[in-house]
Amino acid sequence: MARVCVTGGSGFIGSQVVRDLLQAGHEVRTTVRDPSRAPEGLVDLGPDIVSADLGDPESFRPAFSGCEYVIHTASPYVLNVEDPQRDLIDPAVNGTLAVLNAAVANPSVKRVVLTSSFAAVTEEPEGTFDERMWNERSSVDRNPYYFSKTAAERSAWGFARSQSQFNLVVINPSVVLGPSLVPSVNTSNSLLVGLLRGQYPGILDLDYAIVDVRDVAKAHRLAMESPTASGRYLCTAEVWSQRRLVDWIRGANLGLGKPPRMGLDNPLGRFITRSAARFQTPGSRDYLLTHLGRHPRVNTEKIRTELGMAFRPAGETLIDTFADLQRWGHL
């Protein structure tokens, strides 16, 4: 048993990390902005819930007191914002540095596990990707969410190299789906809601590298527990096209909504989608223009061999996700 502090325990990933750690027998403290408003699903798990805010670096120091491990999951995840620098990049980078400074101020901390993203690996997902690759294209003006994840992770590695107290391990999940312990619908699960609510004009030529949130939580724990864990770990189960996803929804006979039927996953459809994308909000526009027609493959040999990670099939994740979206009233 170890004493662990998880930042962002009220989040989609953070709450599942807390649950996984508690089930494995660890002593867990987690940070939220306001403990009095912590989600019921998190409170019911029984962790020690304390207050900390990414905008207040000093608030994390008492939270990490006596902890051997810190798992940092708290970071904004939205594509469309009013001010990318203020709303995405500064909170991601400054929040990460605040957590690392608080960790180094507590001599008990010997490892920090950081939730990064596949967005820090690439914004143009064509070809095969592994842990050696970095997103070199994103900027404040182009896919700013992707840039925020890249900048935050690079800042974390720079900080880690400057000190010798703790080591840093990073998990890079892709599109995280699955059941939620908190009532809000996260950005990835909202993709499924959008497919059933008519938000897509047709079946687009998009691929999704899918991973279950429960597996992402497990990957964080394994990265914490394994003495030899090091570096980055890509965390993906399977890659599905939007067409395969829509066909799966129809075949599952869910009786929910109306998934798109018109095929836009062809040369003419890609031309129409690219043309229409220029009239979307900046985040959605950038995502479509950099992802449309690209087909990634994710090499997960490192996480499988070094951490012993095994992933749920995407179909199982989808079954549980749709049931959970219904439970929360999102469908």
Protein backbone atom coordinates (compact mmCIF):
# COMPACT_ATOMS: atom_id res chain seq x y z
CA MET A 1 0.00 0.00 0.00
CA ALA A 2 1.20 3.47 -0.87
CA ARG A 3 -0.06 6.95 -0.08
CA VAL A 4 -1.02 8.70 -3.32
CA CYS A 5 -2.41 12.12 -4.20
CA VAL A 6 -4.47 12.41 -7.40
CA THR A 7 -5.10 15.89 -8.76
CA GLY A 8 -8.42 16.52 -10.48
CA GLY A 9 -10.39 13.80 -8.72
CA SER A 10 -13.70 15.23 -9.91
CA GLY A 11 -12.74 14.74 -13.56
CA PHE A 12 -13.63 11.91 -15.93
CA ILE A 13 -10.17 10.32 -15.81
CA GLY A 14 -9.19 11.49 -12.32
CA SER A 15 -12.20 9.91 -10.61
CA GLN A 16 -11.51 6.55 -12.29
CA VAL A 17 -7.85 6.76 -11.22
CA VAL A 18 -9.01 7.28 -7.64
CA ARG A 19 -11.33 4.28 -7.85
CA ASP A 20 -8.67 2.02 -9.36
CA LEU A 21 -6.10 2.96 -6.72
CA LEU A 22 -8.53 2.39 -3.85
CA GLN A 23 -9.56 -0.99 -5.25
CA ALA A 24 -5.88 -1.93 -5.41
CA GLY A 25 -5.50 -1.13 -1.70
CA HIS A 26 -3.70 2.21 -1.83
CA GLU A 27 -4.38 5.16 0.47
CA VAL A 28 -5.71 7.95 -1.72
CA ARG A 29 -6.00 11.69 -1.31
CA THR A 30 -7.46 13.71 -4.16
CA THR A 31 -7.73 17.40 -4.95
CA VAL A 32 -10.77 19.33 -6.16
CA ARG A 33 -11.43 23.04 -6.22
CA ASP A 34 -14.21 22.90 -3.65
CA PRO A 35 -14.60 19.70 -1.56
CA SER A 36 -18.12 20.74 -0.54
CA ARG A 37 -19.15 20.43 -4.20
CA ALA A 38 -17.30 17.21 -4.98
CA PRO A 39 -19.38 14.82 -7.13
CA GLU A 40 -21.32 12.19 -5.21
CA GLY A 41 -19.66 9.43 -7.23
CA LEU A 42 -16.24 10.58 -6.01
CA VAL A 43 -17.35 11.08 -2.39
CA ASP A 44 -18.85 7.58 -2.29
CA LEU A 45 -15.48 6.06 -3.16
CA GLY A 46 -14.15 7.31 0.17
CA PRO A 47 -10.86 9.08 -0.63
CA ASP A 48 -9.51 11.96 1.42
CA ILE A 49 -10.78 14.97 -0.56
CA VAL A 50 -8.86 18.23 -0.15
CA SER A 51 -8.95 21.64 -1.81
CA ALA A 52 -6.40 22.71 -4.43
CA ASP A 53 -6.61 24.88 -7.53
CA LEU A 54 -4.31 25.01 -10.57
CA GLY A 55 -4.51 28.77 -10.34
CA ASP A 56 -3.04 28.70 -6.82
CA PRO A 57 0.34 26.88 -6.89
CA GLU A 58 0.76 26.94 -3.11
CA SER A 59 -2.49 25.02 -2.59
CA PHE A 60 -0.91 21.75 -3.72
CA ARG A 61 1.90 21.67 -1.15
CA PRO A 62 -0.23 20.58 1.81
CA ALA A 63 -2.14 18.20 -0.46
CA PHE A 64 1.05 16.28 -1.26
CA SER A 65 2.33 16.17 2.32
CA GLY A 66 3.34 12.61 3.26
CA CYS A 67 2.53 11.19 -0.20
CA GLU A 68 4.95 8.89 -1.99
CA TYR A 69 3.30 9.36 -5.35
CA VAL A 70 1.47 12.12 -7.20
CA ILE A 71 -0.76 11.44 -10.20
CA HIS A 72 -1.56 14.66 -12.05
CA THR A 73 -4.71 14.38 -14.17
CA ALA A 74 -6.15 17.89 -13.82
CA SER A 75 -6.07 19.85 -17.10
CA PRO A 76 -8.68 21.55 -19.31
CA TYR A 77 -9.94 19.54 -22.31
CA VAL A 78 -12.02 21.57 -24.76
CA LEU A 79 -11.53 22.29 -28.46
CA ASN A 80 -13.31 25.62 -28.71
CA VAL A 81 -12.37 28.43 -26.32
CA GLU A 82 -12.55 32.22 -26.39
CA ASP A 83 -8.87 32.81 -25.62
CA PRO A 84 -6.58 29.78 -26.25
CA GLN A 85 -3.63 31.19 -24.35
CA ARG A 86 -5.68 32.11 -21.28
CA ASP A 87 -8.16 29.23 -21.31
CA LEU A 88 -5.99 26.31 -22.45
CA ILE A 89 -2.26 26.82 -22.64
CA ASP A 90 -1.59 28.81 -19.46
CA PRO A 91 -3.70 26.53 -17.21
CA ALA A 92 -2.11 23.39 -18.68
CA VAL A 93 1.51 24.56 -18.45
CA ASN A 94 1.30 26.60 -15.25
CA GLY A 95 -0.83 23.97 -13.56
CA THR A 96 1.64 21.23 -14.41
CA LEU A 97 4.59 23.30 -13.15
CA ALA A 98 2.66 24.16 -9.98
CA VAL A 99 2.11 20.48 -9.28
CA LEU A 100 5.76 19.59 -9.95
CA ASN A 101 7.00 22.43 -7.73
CA ALA A 102 4.71 21.24 -4.94
CA ALA A 103 5.99 17.69 -5.43
CA VAL A 104 9.64 18.70 -5.17
CA ALA A 105 8.79 20.69 -2.02
CA ASN A 106 7.62 17.47 -0.35
CA PRO A 107 10.59 15.12 0.24
CA SER A 108 8.27 12.13 0.54
CA VAL A 109 7.32 12.27 -3.16
CA LYS A 110 9.40 9.85 -5.23
CA ARG A 111 7.42 9.63 -8.47
CA VAL A 112 4.99 11.78 -10.42
CA VAL A 113 2.74 10.21 -13.06
CA LEU A 114 1.42 12.80 -15.52
CA THR A 115 -1.65 12.47 -17.72
CA SER A 116 -0.62 13.82 -21.11
CA SER A 117 -2.29 12.94 -24.40
CA PHE A 118 -1.82 11.44 -27.84
CA ALA A 119 -2.24 15.10 -28.86
CA ALA A 120 1.32 15.64 -27.62
CA VAL A 121 2.48 12.99 -30.10
CA THR A 122 0.76 14.27 -33.25
CA GLU A 123 -1.98 16.50 -34.60
CA GLU A 124 -1.88 14.90 -38.05
CA PRO A 125 -2.47 11.20 -37.29
CA GLU A 126 -1.24 9.47 -40.44
CA GLY A 127 1.10 6.48 -40.17
CA THR A 128 2.46 4.56 -37.19
CA PHE A 129 3.21 6.36 -33.92
CA ASP A 130 5.28 5.46 -30.87
CA GLU A 131 6.66 7.16 -27.76
CA ARG A 132 9.60 8.76 -29.56
CA MET A 133 7.36 11.06 -31.60
CA TRP A 134 6.29 14.59 -30.71
CA ASN A 135 3.71 17.00 -32.05
CA GLU A 136 5.77 19.68 -33.83
CA ARG A 137 2.96 21.40 -35.73
CA SER A 138 0.42 22.76 -33.24
CA SER A 139 0.53 26.35 -32.00
CA VAL A 140 -1.60 28.92 -30.20
CA ASP A 141 -3.38 29.58 -33.48
CA ARG A 142 -3.54 26.01 -34.80
CA ASN A 143 -5.11 23.25 -32.71
CA PRO A 144 -4.43 25.12 -29.43
CA TYR A 145 -5.68 22.23 -27.28
CA TYR A 146 -3.07 19.99 -28.91
CA PHE A 147 -0.48 22.67 -28.35
CA SER A 148 -1.45 22.96 -24.67
CA LYS A 149 -0.90 19.24 -24.09
CA THR A 150 2.42 19.32 -25.94
CA ALA A 151 3.65 22.41 -24.11
CA ALA A 152 2.60 21.03 -20.71
CA GLU A 153 4.36 17.72 -21.25
CA ARG A 154 7.52 19.34 -22.58
CA SER A 155 7.54 21.66 -19.55
CA ALA A 156 7.17 18.65 -17.28
CA TRP A 157 10.14 16.84 -18.83
CA GLY A 158 12.22 19.99 -18.59
CA PHE A 159 11.38 20.32 -14.90
CA ALA A 160 12.05 16.64 -14.23
CA ARG A 161 15.54 16.91 -15.71
CA SER A 162 16.32 19.85 -13.42
CA GLN A 163 15.88 17.91 -10.16
CA SER A 164 16.74 14.47 -8.74
CA GLN A 165 14.17 13.98 -5.98
CA PHE A 166 11.44 12.25 -8.00
CA ASN A 167 11.18 10.62 -11.40
CA LEU A 168 8.51 11.39 -13.97
CA VAL A 169 6.39 8.91 -15.92
CA VAL A 170 3.85 10.04 -18.54
CA ILE A 171 0.70 8.36 -19.87
CA ASN A 172 -0.46 9.46 -23.35
CA PRO A 173 -4.06 8.27 -23.87
CA SER A 174 -5.95 8.80 -27.10
CA VAL A 175 -9.76 9.14 -27.36
CA VAL A 176 -10.92 8.15 -23.87
CA LEU A 177 -14.40 6.60 -23.73
CA GLY A 178 -16.20 4.65 -21.03
CA PRO A 179 -18.51 4.90 -18.04
CA SER A 180 -18.27 7.99 -15.85
CA LEU A 181 -18.31 8.39 -12.08
CA VAL A 182 -19.27 12.06 -12.44
CA PRO A 183 -22.46 13.48 -14.00
CA SER A 184 -20.96 15.76 -16.66
CA VAL A 185 -20.36 14.31 -20.12
CA ASN A 186 -16.70 14.55 -21.09
CA THR A 187 -15.49 15.74 -24.48
CA SER A 188 -14.70 12.27 -25.82
CA ASN A 189 -18.02 10.70 -24.78
CA SER A 190 -19.83 13.72 -26.25
CA LEU A 191 -18.63 12.43 -29.63
CA LEU A 192 -21.02 9.49 -29.23
CA VAL A 193 -23.83 11.77 -28.10
CA GLY A 194 -23.27 13.94 -31.17
CA LEU A 195 -23.45 10.95 -33.51
CA LEU A 196 -26.89 10.06 -32.17
CA ARG A 197 -28.24 13.60 -31.98
CA GLY A 198 -27.73 14.49 -35.63
CA GLN A 199 -24.75 16.76 -35.09
CA TYR A 200 -22.87 15.12 -37.97
CA PRO A 201 -24.14 15.74 -41.52
CA GLY A 202 -22.88 12.34 -42.63
CA ILE A 203 -20.29 9.67 -41.95
CA LEU A 204 -16.96 11.52 -42.05
CA ASP A 205 -13.58 10.12 -43.02
CA LEU A 206 -12.27 10.25 -39.45
CA ASP A 207 -10.47 7.61 -37.41
CA TYR A 208 -10.55 7.39 -33.62
CA ALA A 209 -7.84 5.77 -31.53
CA ILE A 210 -10.03 4.46 -28.70
CA VAL A 211 -9.14 3.52 -25.13
CA ASP A 212 -11.36 2.74 -22.13
CA VAL A 213 -11.18 5.20 -19.22
CA ARG A 214 -10.87 2.27 -16.80
CA ASP A 215 -7.81 1.06 -18.69
CA VAL A 216 -6.36 4.57 -18.64
CA ALA A 217 -6.80 4.56 -14.86
CA LYS A 218 -5.12 1.17 -14.60
CA ALA A 219 -2.23 2.37 -16.76
CA HIS A 220 -1.61 5.24 -14.33
CA ARG A 221 -1.54 2.84 -11.40
CA LEU A 222 0.81 0.43 -13.15
CA ALA A 223 3.10 3.34 -14.06
CA MET A 224 3.11 4.29 -10.40
CA GLU A 225 3.65 0.78 -9.02
CA SER A 226 6.26 -0.53 -11.46
CA PRO A 227 9.79 0.20 -10.18
CA THR A 228 11.19 0.19 -13.71
CA ALA A 229 8.53 2.37 -15.36
CA SER A 230 10.10 5.24 -17.27
CA GLY A 231 9.41 7.72 -20.02
CA ARG A 232 6.18 7.96 -21.97
CA TYR A 233 3.52 5.31 -22.60
CA LEU A 234 1.03 5.48 -25.47
CA CYS A 235 -2.32 4.21 -24.22
CA THR A 236 -4.66 2.99 -27.00
CA ALA A 237 -6.73 -0.16 -27.44
CA GLU A 238 -7.97 -0.01 -31.06
CA VAL A 239 -8.40 2.40 -33.96
CA TRP A 240 -11.91 2.58 -35.42
CA SER A 241 -13.16 4.64 -38.35
CA GLN A 242 -16.31 6.69 -37.90
CA ARG A 243 -18.01 4.39 -40.40
CA ARG A 244 -17.13 1.33 -38.31
CA LEU A 245 -18.41 3.12 -35.22
CA VAL A 246 -21.71 4.05 -36.88
CA ASP A 247 -22.14 0.52 -38.26
CA TRP A 248 -21.49 -0.87 -34.78
CA ILE A 249 -24.14 1.43 -33.30
CA ARG A 250 -26.70 0.29 -35.85
CA GLY A 251 -25.79 -3.37 -35.38
CA ALA A 252 -26.08 -3.09 -31.61
CA ASN A 253 -29.76 -2.10 -31.95
CA LEU A 254 -29.48 0.45 -29.17
CA GLY A 255 -32.71 2.19 -30.11
CA LEU A 256 -31.08 5.52 -29.40
CA GLY A 257 -31.17 8.53 -31.71
CA LYS A 258 -30.39 8.54 -35.40
CA PRO A 259 -26.75 7.97 -36.40
CA PRO A 260 -25.76 9.54 -39.75
CA ARG A 261 -26.31 7.59 -42.98
CA MET A 262 -24.91 9.71 -45.80
CA GLY A 263 -21.38 8.63 -46.71
CA LEU A 264 -18.89 11.49 -46.69
CA ASP A 265 -15.88 9.18 -46.24
CA ASN A 266 -14.86 9.40 -49.89
CA PRO A 267 -13.00 11.95 -52.07
CA LEU A 268 -16.10 14.07 -52.75
CA GLY A 269 -17.16 13.84 -49.11
CA ARG A 270 -13.73 14.92 -47.92
CA PHE A 271 -13.84 17.92 -50.25
CA ILE A 272 -17.29 18.92 -48.97
CA THR A 273 -16.25 18.46 -45.33
CA ARG A 274 -13.05 20.49 -45.74
CA SER A 275 -14.99 23.28 -47.42
CA ALA A 276 -17.64 23.30 -44.69
CA ALA A 277 -15.01 23.13 -41.93
CA ARG A 278 -13.83 26.64 -42.75
CA PHE A 279 -17.13 27.96 -41.41
CA GLN A 280 -16.86 26.10 -38.09
CA THR A 281 -15.50 27.46 -34.81
CA PRO A 282 -11.67 27.55 -34.81
CA GLY A 283 -11.15 24.44 -32.67
CA SER A 284 -13.55 22.29 -34.68
CA ARG A 285 -12.18 23.69 -37.96
CA ASP A 286 -8.57 22.90 -37.06
CA TYR A 287 -9.47 19.41 -35.87
CA LEU A 288 -11.28 18.56 -39.11
CA LEU A 289 -8.61 20.02 -41.40
CA THR A 290 -5.79 18.12 -39.65
CA HIS A 291 -7.58 14.80 -39.02
CA LEU A 292 -9.85 14.26 -42.01
CA GLY A 293 -8.70 11.41 -44.25
CA ARG A 294 -5.82 10.44 -41.95
CA HIS A 295 -5.46 6.90 -40.63
CA PRO A 296 -3.26 6.36 -37.57
CA ARG A 297 -1.72 3.20 -36.19
CA VAL A 298 -0.55 3.26 -32.58
CA ASN A 299 2.36 1.10 -31.43
CA THR A 300 1.55 0.08 -27.83
CA GLU A 301 4.31 -2.49 -27.42
CA LYS A 302 6.04 -0.43 -24.72
CA ILE A 303 3.05 -0.21 -22.38
CA ARG A 304 2.14 -3.84 -22.95
CA THR A 305 5.61 -5.23 -22.32
CA GLU A 306 6.95 -2.87 -19.65
CA LEU A 307 3.76 -2.39 -17.61
CA GLY A 308 1.95 -5.61 -18.53
CA MET A 309 -1.02 -3.61 -19.78
CA ALA A 310 -3.93 -5.39 -21.48
CA PHE A 311 -6.77 -3.40 -23.02
CA ARG A 312 -10.52 -3.98 -23.20
CA PRO A 313 -11.91 -4.43 -26.72
CA ALA A 314 -13.47 -1.23 -28.07
CA GLY A 315 -16.84 -2.96 -28.49
CA GLU A 316 -17.00 -3.70 -24.76
CA THR A 317 -16.12 -0.09 -23.99
CA LEU A 318 -18.88 1.16 -26.27
CA ILE A 319 -21.53 -1.09 -24.70
CA ASP A 320 -20.66 0.20 -21.24
CA THR A 321 -20.40 3.81 -22.44
CA PHE A 322 -23.84 3.92 -24.06
CA ALA A 323 -25.44 2.30 -21.00
CA ASP A 324 -23.76 4.90 -18.80
CA LEU A 325 -24.78 7.83 -21.02
CA GLN A 326 -28.37 6.64 -20.70
CA ARG A 327 -28.00 6.30 -16.92
CA TRP A 328 -26.86 9.92 -16.62
CA GLY A 329 -29.60 11.15 -18.95
CA HIS A 330 -27.26 12.29 -21.75
CA LEU A 331 -29.14 10.18 -24.30
